[in-house]
N, C-alpha and C. Protein backbone atom coordinates (compact mmCIF):
# COMPACT_ATOMS: atom_id res chain seq x y z
N GLY A 1 104.98 102.13 83.19
CA GLY A 1 106.29 102.00 83.81
C GLY A 1 107.13 101.00 83.05
N ARG A 2 108.45 101.07 83.19
CA ARG A 2 109.34 100.17 82.47
C ARG A 2 109.58 98.91 83.28
N THR A 3 110.05 97.86 82.57
CA THR A 3 110.33 96.58 83.21
C THR A 3 111.81 96.46 83.46
N GLU A 4 112.19 96.04 84.71
CA GLU A 4 113.59 95.86 85.07
C GLU A 4 113.77 94.50 85.72
N ASN A 5 115.02 94.00 85.66
CA ASN A 5 115.37 92.74 86.30
C ASN A 5 115.97 93.04 87.67
N VAL A 6 115.27 92.63 88.74
CA VAL A 6 115.73 92.89 90.11
C VAL A 6 115.92 91.55 90.80
N LEU A 7 117.18 91.22 91.12
CA LEU A 7 117.51 89.96 91.80
C LEU A 7 116.89 88.77 91.08
N GLY A 8 116.97 88.78 89.74
CA GLY A 8 116.49 87.65 88.96
C GLY A 8 115.00 87.67 88.67
N GLU A 9 114.26 88.66 89.17
CA GLU A 9 112.83 88.74 88.91
C GLU A 9 112.54 89.97 88.07
N LEU A 10 111.56 89.83 87.16
CA LEU A 10 111.14 90.96 86.35
C LEU A 10 110.16 91.81 87.16
N VAL A 11 110.51 93.08 87.31
CA VAL A 11 109.70 94.01 88.10
C VAL A 11 109.33 95.19 87.23
N ARG A 12 108.05 95.52 87.23
CA ARG A 12 107.58 96.63 86.41
C ARG A 12 106.82 97.63 87.27
N GLY A 13 107.16 98.90 87.14
CA GLY A 13 106.45 99.94 87.86
C GLY A 13 105.09 100.21 87.24
N ASN A 14 104.24 100.90 87.97
CA ASN A 14 102.90 101.25 87.48
C ASN A 14 102.69 102.74 87.72
N THR A 15 102.76 103.51 86.66
CA THR A 15 102.63 104.96 86.78
C THR A 15 101.19 105.39 87.10
N ASN A 16 100.25 104.43 87.03
CA ASN A 16 98.86 104.76 87.33
C ASN A 16 98.49 104.57 88.79
N LEU A 17 99.46 104.17 89.63
CA LEU A 17 99.17 103.97 91.05
C LEU A 17 98.67 105.26 91.70
N GLU A 18 97.71 105.10 92.59
CA GLU A 18 97.20 106.23 93.37
C GLU A 18 97.45 105.97 94.85
N ARG A 19 97.47 107.02 95.65
CA ARG A 19 97.70 106.87 97.09
C ARG A 19 96.52 106.16 97.74
N THR A 20 96.79 105.47 98.83
CA THR A 20 95.77 104.74 99.57
C THR A 20 95.14 105.64 100.63
N LEU A 21 93.82 105.66 100.68
CA LEU A 21 93.08 106.38 101.71
C LEU A 21 92.47 105.36 102.66
N ILE A 22 92.68 105.54 103.97
CA ILE A 22 92.26 104.55 104.97
C ILE A 22 91.32 105.20 105.97
N THR A 23 90.18 104.57 106.20
CA THR A 23 89.24 104.98 107.24
C THR A 23 89.28 103.94 108.35
N ASN A 24 89.54 104.37 109.58
CA ASN A 24 89.70 103.47 110.73
C ASN A 24 88.58 103.68 111.74
N LEU A 25 88.15 102.60 112.34
CA LEU A 25 87.23 102.66 113.47
C LEU A 25 87.72 101.65 114.50
N ASP A 26 88.07 102.13 115.70
CA ASP A 26 88.64 101.28 116.74
C ASP A 26 87.91 101.50 118.06
N LEU A 27 87.72 100.42 118.80
CA LEU A 27 87.16 100.48 120.14
C LEU A 27 88.01 99.58 121.03
N ARG A 28 88.50 100.12 122.15
CA ARG A 28 89.45 99.38 122.97
C ARG A 28 89.10 99.52 124.45
N TRP A 29 89.17 98.40 125.17
CA TRP A 29 89.00 98.38 126.63
C TRP A 29 90.31 97.91 127.25
N GLU A 30 90.78 98.63 128.28
CA GLU A 30 92.04 98.30 128.93
C GLU A 30 91.84 98.26 130.45
N TRP A 31 92.57 97.37 131.08
CA TRP A 31 92.59 97.30 132.54
C TRP A 31 94.02 97.02 132.98
N PHE A 32 94.52 97.85 133.93
CA PHE A 32 95.87 97.71 134.46
C PHE A 32 95.77 97.29 135.93
N PRO A 33 95.77 95.97 136.19
CA PRO A 33 95.60 95.51 137.58
C PRO A 33 96.78 95.85 138.48
N ALA A 34 97.97 96.05 137.90
CA ALA A 34 99.17 96.37 138.67
C ALA A 34 100.18 96.98 137.71
N PRO A 35 101.24 97.61 138.23
CA PRO A 35 102.27 98.15 137.34
C PRO A 35 102.81 97.07 136.41
N ARG A 36 102.94 97.42 135.12
CA ARG A 36 103.46 96.54 134.08
C ARG A 36 102.55 95.34 133.82
N GLU A 37 101.29 95.42 134.23
CA GLU A 37 100.33 94.37 133.94
C GLU A 37 99.18 94.95 133.12
N LEU A 38 98.63 94.14 132.23
CA LEU A 38 97.62 94.65 131.29
C LEU A 38 96.67 93.55 130.87
N MET A 39 95.39 93.91 130.79
CA MET A 39 94.39 93.10 130.11
C MET A 39 93.65 94.05 129.17
N ALA A 40 93.51 93.65 127.89
CA ALA A 40 92.89 94.55 126.93
C ALA A 40 92.17 93.76 125.85
N VAL A 41 91.08 94.34 125.36
CA VAL A 41 90.31 93.79 124.25
C VAL A 41 90.02 94.92 123.28
N SER A 42 90.26 94.67 122.00
CA SER A 42 90.03 95.68 120.98
C SER A 42 89.19 95.09 119.85
N VAL A 43 88.33 95.90 119.27
CA VAL A 43 87.65 95.56 118.03
C VAL A 43 87.93 96.69 117.05
N PHE A 44 88.05 96.36 115.78
CA PHE A 44 88.46 97.38 114.82
C PHE A 44 87.90 97.07 113.43
N GLY A 45 87.82 98.10 112.64
CA GLY A 45 87.45 97.97 111.23
C GLY A 45 88.23 98.98 110.42
N LYS A 46 88.67 98.60 109.24
CA LYS A 46 89.45 99.48 108.38
C LYS A 46 88.93 99.37 106.94
N ASP A 47 88.76 100.48 106.31
CA ASP A 47 88.34 100.53 104.91
C ASP A 47 89.46 101.16 104.10
N PHE A 48 90.00 100.41 103.13
CA PHE A 48 91.10 100.88 102.30
C PHE A 48 90.57 101.26 100.92
N GLN A 49 90.73 102.50 100.57
CA GLN A 49 90.38 102.94 99.22
C GLN A 49 91.66 102.98 98.39
N GLY A 50 91.80 102.00 97.51
CA GLY A 50 93.00 101.95 96.66
C GLY A 50 94.21 101.39 97.36
N ALA A 51 94.04 100.33 98.15
CA ALA A 51 95.21 99.68 98.78
C ALA A 51 96.17 99.20 97.69
N ILE A 52 97.47 99.37 97.92
CA ILE A 52 98.48 98.98 96.93
C ILE A 52 98.87 97.52 97.18
N GLU A 53 98.66 96.67 96.16
CA GLU A 53 98.92 95.25 96.27
C GLU A 53 99.86 94.78 95.17
N GLU A 54 100.65 93.74 95.48
CA GLU A 54 101.55 93.16 94.48
C GLU A 54 100.77 92.26 93.54
N VAL A 55 101.08 92.36 92.25
CA VAL A 55 100.37 91.60 91.22
C VAL A 55 101.40 90.90 90.34
N LEU A 56 101.10 89.64 89.95
CA LEU A 56 101.93 88.89 89.03
C LEU A 56 101.14 88.62 87.75
N PHE A 57 101.75 88.93 86.59
CA PHE A 57 101.09 88.60 85.33
C PHE A 57 102.07 87.89 84.41
N PRO A 58 101.58 87.17 83.39
CA PRO A 58 102.42 86.24 82.65
C PRO A 58 103.53 86.91 81.86
N SER A 59 104.63 86.19 81.78
CA SER A 59 105.77 86.51 80.92
C SER A 59 106.62 85.25 80.92
N THR A 60 107.82 85.32 80.36
CA THR A 60 108.68 84.14 80.36
C THR A 60 108.94 83.66 81.78
N ASN A 61 109.26 84.61 82.68
CA ASN A 61 109.51 84.27 84.08
C ASN A 61 108.47 84.86 85.02
N GLY A 62 107.46 85.50 84.46
CA GLY A 62 106.49 86.19 85.29
C GLY A 62 106.96 87.59 85.60
N VAL A 63 106.05 88.55 85.65
CA VAL A 63 106.39 89.94 85.90
C VAL A 63 105.65 90.42 87.14
N GLN A 64 106.38 91.06 88.04
CA GLN A 64 105.82 91.60 89.28
C GLN A 64 105.56 93.08 89.10
N THR A 65 104.36 93.51 89.51
CA THR A 65 104.04 94.93 89.50
C THR A 65 103.10 95.20 90.68
N TRP A 66 102.47 96.36 90.69
CA TRP A 66 101.57 96.74 91.78
C TRP A 66 100.33 97.40 91.22
N GLY A 67 99.23 97.25 91.93
CA GLY A 67 97.99 97.88 91.53
C GLY A 67 97.19 98.32 92.74
N ASN A 68 96.17 99.15 92.50
CA ASN A 68 95.28 99.62 93.57
C ASN A 68 94.03 98.74 93.64
N ALA A 69 93.62 98.41 94.87
CA ALA A 69 92.41 97.61 95.07
C ALA A 69 91.71 98.08 96.34
N ASP A 70 90.40 98.23 96.28
CA ASP A 70 89.63 98.56 97.48
C ASP A 70 89.54 97.33 98.36
N ALA A 71 89.67 97.51 99.68
CA ALA A 71 89.69 96.38 100.61
C ALA A 71 89.07 96.78 101.93
N ARG A 72 88.63 95.76 102.66
CA ARG A 72 88.04 95.98 103.98
C ARG A 72 88.61 94.96 104.95
N VAL A 73 88.86 95.40 106.19
CA VAL A 73 89.42 94.54 107.23
C VAL A 73 88.67 94.83 108.52
N TYR A 74 88.29 93.76 109.23
CA TYR A 74 87.73 93.95 110.58
C TYR A 74 88.11 92.75 111.44
N GLY A 75 88.17 92.99 112.75
CA GLY A 75 88.58 91.90 113.62
C GLY A 75 88.63 92.31 115.07
N ALA A 76 89.30 91.47 115.87
CA ALA A 76 89.41 91.70 117.31
C ALA A 76 90.81 91.32 117.76
N GLU A 77 91.27 91.97 118.82
CA GLU A 77 92.59 91.70 119.38
C GLU A 77 92.47 91.53 120.89
N PHE A 78 93.19 90.54 121.42
CA PHE A 78 93.17 90.26 122.85
C PHE A 78 94.61 90.30 123.36
N GLU A 79 94.84 91.07 124.44
CA GLU A 79 96.18 91.23 125.00
C GLU A 79 96.17 90.92 126.50
N PHE A 80 97.28 90.32 126.95
CA PHE A 80 97.41 89.99 128.36
C PHE A 80 98.88 90.07 128.76
N GLN A 81 99.15 90.71 129.88
CA GLN A 81 100.51 90.76 130.42
C GLN A 81 100.42 90.76 131.94
N ALA A 82 101.20 89.88 132.57
CA ALA A 82 101.15 89.78 134.04
C ALA A 82 102.47 89.29 134.57
N GLY A 83 102.82 89.74 135.76
CA GLY A 83 104.01 89.25 136.45
C GLY A 83 103.71 87.92 137.12
N LEU A 84 104.64 86.97 137.01
CA LEU A 84 104.42 85.65 137.59
C LEU A 84 104.66 85.62 139.09
N GLY A 85 105.06 86.76 139.67
CA GLY A 85 105.16 86.85 141.11
C GLY A 85 103.83 86.65 141.79
N ARG A 86 102.74 86.78 141.03
CA ARG A 86 101.41 86.51 141.58
C ARG A 86 101.27 85.05 141.97
N ILE A 87 102.00 84.18 141.25
CA ILE A 87 101.90 82.74 141.52
C ILE A 87 102.79 82.34 142.69
N ALA A 88 104.05 82.82 142.63
CA ALA A 88 105.01 82.50 143.71
C ALA A 88 106.08 83.58 143.73
N ASP A 89 106.54 83.96 144.89
CA ASP A 89 107.51 85.04 145.01
C ASP A 89 108.81 84.79 144.26
N PRO A 90 109.34 83.54 144.19
CA PRO A 90 110.57 83.32 143.43
C PRO A 90 110.43 83.65 141.94
N LEU A 91 109.20 83.78 141.45
CA LEU A 91 108.97 84.10 140.04
C LEU A 91 108.74 85.60 139.81
N ARG A 92 109.04 86.42 140.80
CA ARG A 92 108.69 87.83 140.73
C ARG A 92 109.40 88.59 139.60
N HIS A 93 110.50 88.06 139.11
CA HIS A 93 111.22 88.74 138.03
C HIS A 93 110.77 88.29 136.64
N PHE A 94 109.80 87.39 136.58
CA PHE A 94 109.29 86.89 135.29
C PHE A 94 107.98 87.58 134.92
N THR A 95 107.83 87.84 133.61
CA THR A 95 106.60 88.42 133.09
C THR A 95 106.13 87.61 131.89
N LEU A 96 104.85 87.30 131.85
CA LEU A 96 104.25 86.56 130.74
C LEU A 96 103.34 87.50 129.95
N SER A 97 103.54 87.54 128.64
CA SER A 97 102.73 88.39 127.77
C SER A 97 102.21 87.57 126.60
N THR A 98 100.98 87.86 126.18
CA THR A 98 100.42 87.18 125.02
C THR A 98 99.52 88.13 124.25
N ASN A 99 99.41 87.87 122.95
CA ASN A 99 98.60 88.72 122.08
C ASN A 99 98.01 87.85 120.98
N LEU A 100 96.71 87.95 120.77
CA LEU A 100 96.02 87.20 119.73
C LEU A 100 95.15 88.15 118.92
N SER A 101 95.32 88.12 117.61
CA SER A 101 94.49 88.93 116.71
C SER A 101 93.73 88.00 115.76
N LEU A 102 92.43 88.21 115.64
CA LEU A 102 91.59 87.48 114.70
C LEU A 102 91.04 88.47 113.69
N VAL A 103 91.29 88.22 112.41
CA VAL A 103 91.01 89.23 111.38
C VAL A 103 90.31 88.60 110.19
N HIS A 104 89.30 89.28 109.68
CA HIS A 104 88.68 88.92 108.39
C HIS A 104 88.93 90.06 107.42
N SER A 105 89.33 89.73 106.21
CA SER A 105 89.59 90.76 105.21
C SER A 105 89.03 90.32 103.87
N SER A 106 88.71 91.28 103.03
CA SER A 106 88.25 91.01 101.68
C SER A 106 88.70 92.16 100.79
N ALA A 107 88.93 91.87 99.51
CA ALA A 107 89.43 92.89 98.59
C ALA A 107 88.89 92.64 97.19
N GLU A 108 88.80 93.71 96.42
CA GLU A 108 88.35 93.62 95.05
C GLU A 108 89.53 93.41 94.10
N GLU A 109 89.24 93.26 92.84
CA GLU A 109 90.29 93.07 91.85
C GLU A 109 91.12 94.34 91.72
N PRO A 110 92.45 94.25 91.74
CA PRO A 110 93.28 95.46 91.60
C PRO A 110 93.22 96.03 90.19
N GLU A 111 93.43 97.32 90.09
CA GLU A 111 93.46 97.98 88.79
C GLU A 111 94.89 98.02 88.28
N VAL A 112 95.17 97.23 87.22
CA VAL A 112 96.49 97.20 86.60
C VAL A 112 96.25 97.32 85.10
N ASN A 113 96.54 98.46 84.52
CA ASN A 113 96.27 98.69 83.11
C ASN A 113 97.55 99.07 82.38
N PHE A 114 97.92 98.27 81.39
CA PHE A 114 99.09 98.55 80.56
C PHE A 114 98.63 98.64 79.11
N SER A 115 99.32 99.44 78.33
CA SER A 115 98.90 99.70 76.95
C SER A 115 98.88 98.43 76.10
N GLU A 116 99.79 97.46 76.41
CA GLU A 116 99.84 96.26 75.60
C GLU A 116 98.76 95.25 75.98
N ARG A 117 98.02 95.51 77.06
CA ARG A 117 96.95 94.63 77.48
C ARG A 117 95.62 95.27 77.10
N SER A 118 94.71 94.47 76.59
CA SER A 118 93.40 95.00 76.24
C SER A 118 92.35 94.13 76.90
N GLY A 119 91.20 94.70 77.19
CA GLY A 119 90.12 93.95 77.78
C GLY A 119 90.20 93.81 79.28
N GLY A 120 91.22 94.39 79.92
CA GLY A 120 91.34 94.32 81.37
C GLY A 120 91.92 93.00 81.82
N GLN A 121 92.43 92.98 83.08
CA GLN A 121 93.04 91.76 83.59
C GLN A 121 92.00 90.85 84.20
N GLN A 122 92.32 89.58 84.32
CA GLN A 122 91.43 88.61 84.92
C GLN A 122 92.07 88.11 86.20
N ASP A 123 91.43 88.36 87.32
CA ASP A 123 91.93 87.94 88.62
C ASP A 123 91.77 86.43 88.75
N THR A 124 92.88 85.74 89.10
CA THR A 124 92.82 84.29 89.27
C THR A 124 91.96 83.91 90.46
N THR A 125 91.94 84.74 91.50
CA THR A 125 91.19 84.46 92.72
C THR A 125 89.73 84.85 92.56
N ASP A 126 88.85 84.14 93.26
CA ASP A 126 87.45 84.52 93.32
C ASP A 126 87.35 85.89 94.00
N GLN A 127 86.90 86.90 93.26
CA GLN A 127 86.91 88.27 93.77
C GLN A 127 86.03 88.42 95.01
N ALA A 128 84.99 87.59 95.11
CA ALA A 128 84.05 87.75 96.22
C ALA A 128 84.62 87.24 97.53
N THR A 129 85.64 86.40 97.48
CA THR A 129 86.10 85.77 98.70
C THR A 129 87.57 86.00 99.01
N ARG A 130 88.34 86.55 98.09
CA ARG A 130 89.78 86.61 98.32
C ARG A 130 90.12 87.56 99.46
N PRO A 131 91.13 87.23 100.27
CA PRO A 131 91.55 88.12 101.36
C PRO A 131 92.39 89.27 100.82
N MET A 132 92.58 90.27 101.65
CA MET A 132 93.49 91.35 101.32
C MET A 132 94.92 90.83 101.34
N GLU A 133 95.70 91.25 100.37
CA GLU A 133 97.08 90.77 100.29
C GLU A 133 97.87 91.14 101.55
N GLY A 134 98.60 90.16 102.08
CA GLY A 134 99.45 90.40 103.24
C GLY A 134 98.73 90.30 104.58
N GLN A 135 97.40 90.04 104.54
CA GLN A 135 96.64 90.00 105.79
C GLN A 135 96.37 88.56 106.22
N SER A 136 96.88 88.17 107.38
CA SER A 136 96.63 86.84 107.93
C SER A 136 95.30 86.81 108.67
N PRO A 137 94.63 85.65 108.69
CA PRO A 137 93.38 85.56 109.46
C PRO A 137 93.62 85.56 110.97
N TYR A 138 94.86 85.27 111.37
CA TYR A 138 95.18 85.35 112.80
C TYR A 138 96.68 85.56 112.97
N THR A 139 97.07 86.19 114.06
CA THR A 139 98.46 86.27 114.51
C THR A 139 98.47 85.99 116.00
N PHE A 140 99.56 85.35 116.47
CA PHE A 140 99.64 84.99 117.88
C PHE A 140 101.07 85.18 118.36
N ASN A 141 101.22 85.82 119.51
CA ASN A 141 102.52 86.04 120.14
C ASN A 141 102.46 85.61 121.60
N LEU A 142 103.56 84.99 122.07
CA LEU A 142 103.67 84.59 123.47
C LEU A 142 105.09 84.86 123.92
N ASP A 143 105.25 85.69 124.94
CA ASP A 143 106.58 86.09 125.42
C ASP A 143 106.71 85.77 126.91
N LEU A 144 107.88 85.22 127.25
CA LEU A 144 108.24 85.02 128.66
C LEU A 144 109.55 85.76 128.90
N SER A 145 109.51 86.79 129.72
CA SER A 145 110.69 87.62 129.93
C SER A 145 111.13 87.59 131.39
N TYR A 146 112.43 87.83 131.59
CA TYR A 146 113.03 87.85 132.93
C TYR A 146 113.85 89.12 133.05
N GLU A 147 113.66 89.85 134.14
CA GLU A 147 114.43 91.07 134.38
C GLU A 147 114.74 91.19 135.87
N ASN A 148 116.03 91.19 136.18
CA ASN A 148 116.48 91.31 137.57
C ASN A 148 117.39 92.53 137.67
N PRO A 149 116.87 93.65 138.16
CA PRO A 149 117.68 94.87 138.24
C PRO A 149 118.83 94.76 139.24
N ASN A 150 118.73 93.85 140.18
CA ASN A 150 119.79 93.70 141.18
C ASN A 150 121.04 93.08 140.58
N THR A 151 120.86 92.16 139.66
CA THR A 151 122.01 91.49 139.03
C THR A 151 122.32 92.03 137.64
N GLY A 152 121.43 92.89 137.10
CA GLY A 152 121.64 93.40 135.75
C GLY A 152 121.40 92.36 134.68
N THR A 153 120.54 91.38 134.96
CA THR A 153 120.28 90.28 134.03
C THR A 153 118.90 90.43 133.41
N THR A 154 118.83 90.31 132.09
CA THR A 154 117.55 90.25 131.39
C THR A 154 117.60 89.11 130.39
N ALA A 155 116.45 88.48 130.16
CA ALA A 155 116.36 87.39 129.19
C ALA A 155 114.93 87.30 128.72
N GLY A 156 114.76 86.67 127.57
CA GLY A 156 113.41 86.54 127.05
C GLY A 156 113.29 85.40 126.07
N LEU A 157 112.13 84.76 126.08
CA LEU A 157 111.79 83.70 125.14
C LEU A 157 110.55 84.18 124.39
N TYR A 158 110.63 84.27 123.06
CA TYR A 158 109.59 84.91 122.28
C TYR A 158 109.10 83.97 121.18
N PHE A 159 107.79 83.71 121.16
CA PHE A 159 107.19 82.86 120.13
C PHE A 159 106.15 83.66 119.37
N ASN A 160 106.13 83.51 118.04
CA ASN A 160 105.07 84.14 117.24
C ASN A 160 104.79 83.29 116.01
N THR A 161 103.54 83.39 115.56
CA THR A 161 103.10 82.68 114.36
C THR A 161 101.95 83.46 113.74
N PHE A 162 101.56 83.06 112.53
CA PHE A 162 100.49 83.74 111.81
C PHE A 162 99.81 82.75 110.88
N GLY A 163 98.60 83.08 110.44
CA GLY A 163 97.87 82.23 109.51
C GLY A 163 98.30 82.48 108.07
N GLU A 164 97.95 81.54 107.21
CA GLU A 164 98.29 81.65 105.79
C GLU A 164 97.83 82.99 105.22
N ARG A 165 98.68 83.62 104.40
CA ARG A 165 98.32 84.92 103.85
C ARG A 165 98.71 85.03 102.38
N LEU A 166 97.89 85.75 101.64
CA LEU A 166 98.13 85.99 100.23
C LEU A 166 99.27 86.99 100.08
N THR A 167 100.31 86.62 99.30
CA THR A 167 101.46 87.50 99.15
C THR A 167 101.57 88.11 97.76
N ALA A 168 100.95 87.50 96.75
CA ALA A 168 100.98 88.06 95.40
C ALA A 168 99.75 87.57 94.66
N LEU A 169 99.04 88.49 94.05
CA LEU A 169 97.80 88.18 93.34
C LEU A 169 98.09 87.92 91.87
N GLY A 170 97.68 86.75 91.38
CA GLY A 170 97.91 86.43 89.98
C GLY A 170 96.77 86.91 89.09
N VAL A 171 97.11 87.41 87.90
CA VAL A 171 96.12 87.80 86.91
C VAL A 171 96.47 87.12 85.59
N PHE A 172 95.51 87.10 84.65
CA PHE A 172 95.69 86.42 83.37
C PHE A 172 96.13 84.97 83.58
N SER A 173 95.44 84.26 84.51
CA SER A 173 95.67 82.84 84.78
C SER A 173 96.97 82.53 85.51
N VAL A 174 97.72 83.53 85.93
CA VAL A 174 98.88 83.28 86.80
C VAL A 174 98.36 82.95 88.20
N PRO A 175 98.82 81.83 88.82
CA PRO A 175 98.29 81.47 90.14
C PRO A 175 98.68 82.47 91.22
N ASP A 176 97.81 82.59 92.22
CA ASP A 176 98.13 83.41 93.40
C ASP A 176 99.24 82.72 94.20
N THR A 177 99.94 83.51 95.02
CA THR A 177 101.00 82.98 95.88
C THR A 177 100.61 83.22 97.34
N TYR A 178 100.71 82.16 98.15
CA TYR A 178 100.35 82.25 99.56
C TYR A 178 101.55 81.91 100.43
N GLU A 179 101.80 82.74 101.45
CA GLU A 179 102.83 82.44 102.44
C GLU A 179 102.22 81.56 103.52
N GLN A 180 102.92 80.46 103.83
CA GLN A 180 102.43 79.51 104.81
C GLN A 180 102.77 79.95 106.23
N PRO A 181 102.03 79.46 107.23
CA PRO A 181 102.33 79.83 108.63
C PRO A 181 103.78 79.54 108.98
N PHE A 182 104.38 80.46 109.71
CA PHE A 182 105.78 80.33 110.14
C PHE A 182 105.81 80.43 111.65
N HIS A 183 106.37 79.41 112.30
CA HIS A 183 106.42 79.36 113.76
C HIS A 183 107.83 79.72 114.21
N GLN A 184 107.97 80.89 114.81
CA GLN A 184 109.29 81.38 115.18
C GLN A 184 109.44 81.47 116.69
N LEU A 185 110.55 80.90 117.19
CA LEU A 185 110.88 80.96 118.61
C LEU A 185 112.28 81.53 118.74
N ASP A 186 112.41 82.66 119.45
CA ASP A 186 113.69 83.33 119.63
C ASP A 186 114.02 83.43 121.12
N PHE A 187 115.33 83.53 121.42
CA PHE A 187 115.79 83.69 122.79
C PHE A 187 116.83 84.80 122.84
N THR A 188 116.73 85.67 123.83
CA THR A 188 117.73 86.73 124.03
C THR A 188 118.19 86.72 125.48
N PHE A 189 119.45 87.13 125.68
CA PHE A 189 120.02 87.19 127.03
C PHE A 189 120.96 88.39 127.09
N SER A 190 120.90 89.12 128.17
CA SER A 190 121.77 90.26 128.35
C SER A 190 122.23 90.33 129.82
N GLN A 191 123.53 90.54 130.00
CA GLN A 191 124.10 90.64 131.35
C GLN A 191 124.96 91.89 131.44
N ARG A 192 124.65 92.75 132.41
CA ARG A 192 125.40 93.99 132.61
C ARG A 192 126.60 93.71 133.51
N PHE A 193 127.77 94.26 133.10
CA PHE A 193 128.98 94.17 133.91
C PHE A 193 129.45 95.58 134.24
N ARG A 194 129.58 95.87 135.50
CA ARG A 194 129.97 97.19 135.95
C ARG A 194 129.02 98.23 135.35
N GLU A 195 129.56 99.39 134.91
CA GLU A 195 128.69 100.47 134.47
C GLU A 195 128.60 100.58 132.96
N HIS A 196 129.67 100.21 132.25
CA HIS A 196 129.71 100.46 130.81
C HIS A 196 129.85 99.19 129.98
N TRP A 197 129.69 98.02 130.58
CA TRP A 197 129.89 96.78 129.84
C TRP A 197 128.63 95.92 129.90
N THR A 198 128.29 95.35 128.74
CA THR A 198 127.13 94.47 128.65
C THR A 198 127.44 93.31 127.72
N PHE A 199 127.07 92.12 128.14
CA PHE A 199 127.20 90.93 127.29
C PHE A 199 125.82 90.57 126.76
N ASP A 200 125.70 90.47 125.43
CA ASP A 200 124.43 90.14 124.79
C ASP A 200 124.54 88.84 124.01
N PHE A 201 123.49 88.05 124.07
CA PHE A 201 123.45 86.77 123.37
C PHE A 201 122.04 86.56 122.83
N ALA A 202 121.93 86.05 121.58
CA ALA A 202 120.61 85.85 120.98
C ALA A 202 120.64 84.63 120.08
N VAL A 203 119.53 83.92 120.06
CA VAL A 203 119.33 82.79 119.16
C VAL A 203 117.98 82.99 118.47
N GLU A 204 117.96 82.92 117.13
CA GLU A 204 116.74 83.12 116.38
C GLU A 204 116.28 81.81 115.74
N ASN A 205 114.98 81.69 115.58
CA ASN A 205 114.36 80.54 114.91
C ASN A 205 114.85 79.21 115.51
N ILE A 206 114.67 79.06 116.81
CA ILE A 206 115.11 77.86 117.52
C ILE A 206 114.42 76.61 116.98
N LEU A 207 113.17 76.74 116.54
CA LEU A 207 112.42 75.60 116.04
C LEU A 207 112.88 75.17 114.65
N GLY A 208 113.67 76.01 113.98
CA GLY A 208 114.17 75.67 112.65
C GLY A 208 113.10 75.63 111.58
N ASP A 209 112.02 76.39 111.77
CA ASP A 209 110.96 76.41 110.76
C ASP A 209 111.46 77.10 109.49
N THR A 210 110.81 76.78 108.37
CA THR A 210 111.22 77.32 107.07
C THR A 210 110.11 78.16 106.48
N ALA A 211 110.46 79.34 105.99
CA ALA A 211 109.49 80.20 105.31
C ALA A 211 109.15 79.59 103.95
N ARG A 212 107.85 79.47 103.64
CA ARG A 212 107.43 78.84 102.40
C ARG A 212 106.31 79.64 101.74
N GLU A 213 106.40 79.78 100.44
CA GLU A 213 105.32 80.34 99.64
C GLU A 213 104.86 79.27 98.66
N VAL A 214 103.55 79.08 98.55
CA VAL A 214 103.02 78.01 97.72
C VAL A 214 101.93 78.54 96.80
N LEU A 215 101.61 77.76 95.77
CA LEU A 215 100.51 78.05 94.88
C LEU A 215 99.33 77.20 95.31
N PRO A 216 98.11 77.70 95.21
CA PRO A 216 96.94 76.93 95.65
C PRO A 216 96.72 75.70 94.79
C-alpha cells in the first residue's frame, strides 16, 4: 500500500490484510425482579483469527499501518438495574443502573510485511503477555436516571471509565502506545412542553478529565 499524510500523520495501507474470523462462546444468566429491573451475570470467550490492529513502525515521524494478529479474549460481565422506589416512594421516578466488565486478553505479533523490510518485524511488546489492542482489562458504568411521565421531565447522570489499553503496537523498536483511564461524567436534562416542544440540556465531561496516550 502507498503512504499518505493524514492530519499530519503518515498513514500506509496494507494490501495483505485479511478479514477477521471470530469464534464466540457466551453464557448469560438474567433475572427480572420487576418491570425495568435487571440482574445479570455473563461469562464469555472470543477467539480472533487475524484481528486487525494498528501498528507503528519507524520513519521520520513514524508511520501508521495495520496488520493481522491472532488474539483471545475472555471475561465476565455483571449488570444491575433497579428502581429506587424500592427504598422510598418519593424516589419512584429514579432508576440506578451499573455495569462492570472484567476482561483478560492476549494477542500474537501482527503480520506486517513490506517489500522494503526484510527479516520480519520485531514487536516491541513481549508477545507472550501483551493485551489485544483496544481491549481494556475492565470497564465500569454507573447511571442515575429520572423519568416523570406526568411532568414530561427526564434527566440522567452518567459515569463511565475503563482500564489502560493498548492503542498502537510498535515494531522495529518503536514504543507501544497506551491510552490511560478516562473518567467521564455527563448530565442530560429534557423537559416536554405541550405536544410538540421539548427543551434539552446536556453537559459532558463534568470532571474535566483529559484523554491521554503514553509510552511505557
